[in-house]
Amino acid sequence: MVYESLIAFINSPWFYLIIIWDAVWRGIALWEAGRNKHLTWFVFLFIVSSIGILPIVYLIIHRKKKSKRR
């Protein structure tokens, strides 16, 4: 019964949307962590899979403030 439910979930479009969502956010966060030389964050983001939550948290914490132009 559990096996059949798992197969049904893997064959659903939601499964693929979650994978794409996570890959996009993880790629952006890894890029930023690498550029900012944050090795600990880079390794942690690379290893831990959190469906995009951890990469979004990283990007919010380490976003650069935009300067006001006149």
C-alpha atoms as a PDB file:
ATOM      1  CA  MET A   1       0.000   0.000   0.000  1.00  0.00           C
ATOM      2  CA  VAL A   2       2.775   2.453   0.872  1.00  0.00           C
ATOM      3  CA  TYR A   3       4.691   1.401  -2.216  1.00  0.00           C
ATOM      4  CA  GLU A   4       1.688   2.121  -4.448  1.00  0.00           C
ATOM      5  CA  SER A   5       1.228   5.562  -2.878  1.00  0.00           C
ATOM      6  CA  LEU A   6       4.893   6.364  -3.416  1.00  0.00           C
ATOM      7  CA  ILE A   7       4.716   5.315  -7.062  1.00  0.00           C
ATOM      8  CA  ALA A   8       1.595   7.440  -7.539  1.00  0.00           C
ATOM      9  CA  PHE A   9       3.355  10.476  -6.045  1.00  0.00           C
ATOM     10  CA  ILE A  10       6.458   9.993  -8.185  1.00  0.00           C
ATOM     11  CA  ASN A  11       4.288   9.809 -11.294  1.00  0.00           C
ATOM     12  CA  SER A  12       2.383  13.006 -10.410  1.00  0.00           C
ATOM     13  CA  PRO A  13       3.271  16.445 -11.803  1.00  0.00           C
ATOM     14  CA  TRP A  14       3.686  17.769  -8.221  1.00  0.00           C
ATOM     15  CA  PHE A  15       6.787  15.621  -7.764  1.00  0.00           C
ATOM     16  CA  TYR A  16       8.475  17.159 -10.789  1.00  0.00           C
ATOM     17  CA  LEU A  17       7.424  20.683  -9.818  1.00  0.00           C
ATOM     18  CA  ILE A  18       8.995  20.221  -6.376  1.00  0.00           C
ATOM     19  CA  ILE A  19      12.229  18.952  -7.938  1.00  0.00           C
ATOM     20  CA  ILE A  20      12.394  21.915 -10.333  1.00  0.00           C
ATOM     21  CA  TRP A  21      11.504  24.394  -7.536  1.00  0.00           C
ATOM     22  CA  ASP A  22      14.280  23.023  -5.311  1.00  0.00           C
ATOM     23  CA  ALA A  23      16.859  22.923  -8.116  1.00  0.00           C
ATOM     24  CA  VAL A  24      16.255  26.545  -9.117  1.00  0.00           C
ATOM     25  CA  TRP A  25      16.469  27.941  -5.572  1.00  0.00           C
ATOM     26  CA  ARG A  26      19.420  25.717  -4.680  1.00  0.00           C
ATOM     27  CA  GLY A  27      21.308  26.794  -7.807  1.00  0.00           C
ATOM     28  CA  ILE A  28      20.764  30.487  -7.076  1.00  0.00           C
ATOM     29  CA  ALA A  29      21.788  30.103  -3.424  1.00  0.00           C
ATOM     30  CA  LEU A  30      24.862  28.014  -4.273  1.00  0.00           C
ATOM     31  CA  TRP A  31      25.917  30.609  -6.837  1.00  0.00           C
ATOM     32  CA  GLU A  32      25.601  33.422  -4.287  1.00  0.00           C
ATOM     33  CA  ALA A  33      27.343  31.437  -1.531  1.00  0.00           C
ATOM     34  CA  GLY A  34      30.225  30.682  -3.881  1.00  0.00           C
ATOM     35  CA  ARG A  35      30.548  34.298  -5.003  1.00  0.00           C
ATOM     36  CA  ASN A  36      30.482  35.521  -1.392  1.00  0.00           C
ATOM     37  CA  LYS A  37      33.044  32.872  -0.322  1.00  0.00           C
ATOM     38  CA  HIS A  38      30.682  31.398   2.293  1.00  0.00           C
ATOM     39  CA  LEU A  39      32.108  27.862   2.301  1.00  0.00           C
ATOM     40  CA  THR A  40      30.043  26.644   5.272  1.00  0.00           C
ATOM     41  CA  TRP A  41      26.790  27.787   3.674  1.00  0.00           C
ATOM     42  CA  PHE A  42      27.854  26.333   0.322  1.00  0.00           C
ATOM     43  CA  VAL A  43      28.514  22.872   1.780  1.00  0.00           C
ATOM     44  CA  PHE A  44      25.354  22.954   3.908  1.00  0.00           C
ATOM     45  CA  LEU A  45      23.176  24.015   0.960  1.00  0.00           C
ATOM     46  CA  PHE A  46      24.772  21.363  -1.238  1.00  0.00           C
ATOM     47  CA  ILE A  47      24.133  18.532   1.231  1.00  0.00           C
ATOM     48  CA  VAL A  48      20.773  19.386   2.819  1.00  0.00           C
ATOM     49  CA  SER A  49      17.637  19.066   0.730  1.00  0.00           C
ATOM     50  CA  SER A  50      14.869  21.293   2.068  1.00  0.00           C
ATOM     51  CA  ILE A  51      12.540  21.792  -0.918  1.00  0.00           C
ATOM     52  CA  GLY A  52      13.915  25.283  -1.486  1.00  0.00           C
ATOM     53  CA  ILE A  53      13.362  26.585   2.040  1.00  0.00           C
ATOM     54  CA  LEU A  54      17.009  26.716   3.156  1.00  0.00           C
ATOM     55  CA  PRO A  55      18.236  28.396  -0.062  1.00  0.00           C
ATOM     56  CA  ILE A  56      15.529  31.056   0.256  1.00  0.00           C
ATOM     57  CA  VAL A  57      16.539  31.664   3.898  1.00  0.00           C
ATOM     58  CA  TYR A  58      20.183  32.047   2.847  1.00  0.00           C
ATOM     59  CA  LEU A  59      19.295  34.499   0.086  1.00  0.00           C
ATOM     60  CA  ILE A  60      17.169  36.599   2.456  1.00  0.00           C
ATOM     61  CA  ILE A  61      19.855  36.696   5.154  1.00  0.00           C
ATOM     62  CA  HIS A  62      22.733  37.540   2.811  1.00  0.00           C
ATOM     63  CA  ARG A  63      21.061  39.781   0.266  1.00  0.00           C
ATOM     64  CA  LYS A  64      22.905  42.961  -0.552  1.00  0.00           C
ATOM     65  CA  LYS A  65      21.281  46.255   0.251  1.00  0.00           C
ATOM     66  CA  LYS A  66      20.573  48.308  -2.865  1.00  0.00           C
ATOM     67  CA  SER A  67      21.982  51.791  -2.712  1.00  0.00           C
ATOM     68  CA  LYS A  68      19.726  54.703  -3.553  1.00  0.00           C
ATOM     69  CA  ARG A  69      20.606  56.472  -6.773  1.00  0.00           C
ATOM     70  CA  ARG A  70      19.873  60.155  -7.284  1.00  0.00           C
END
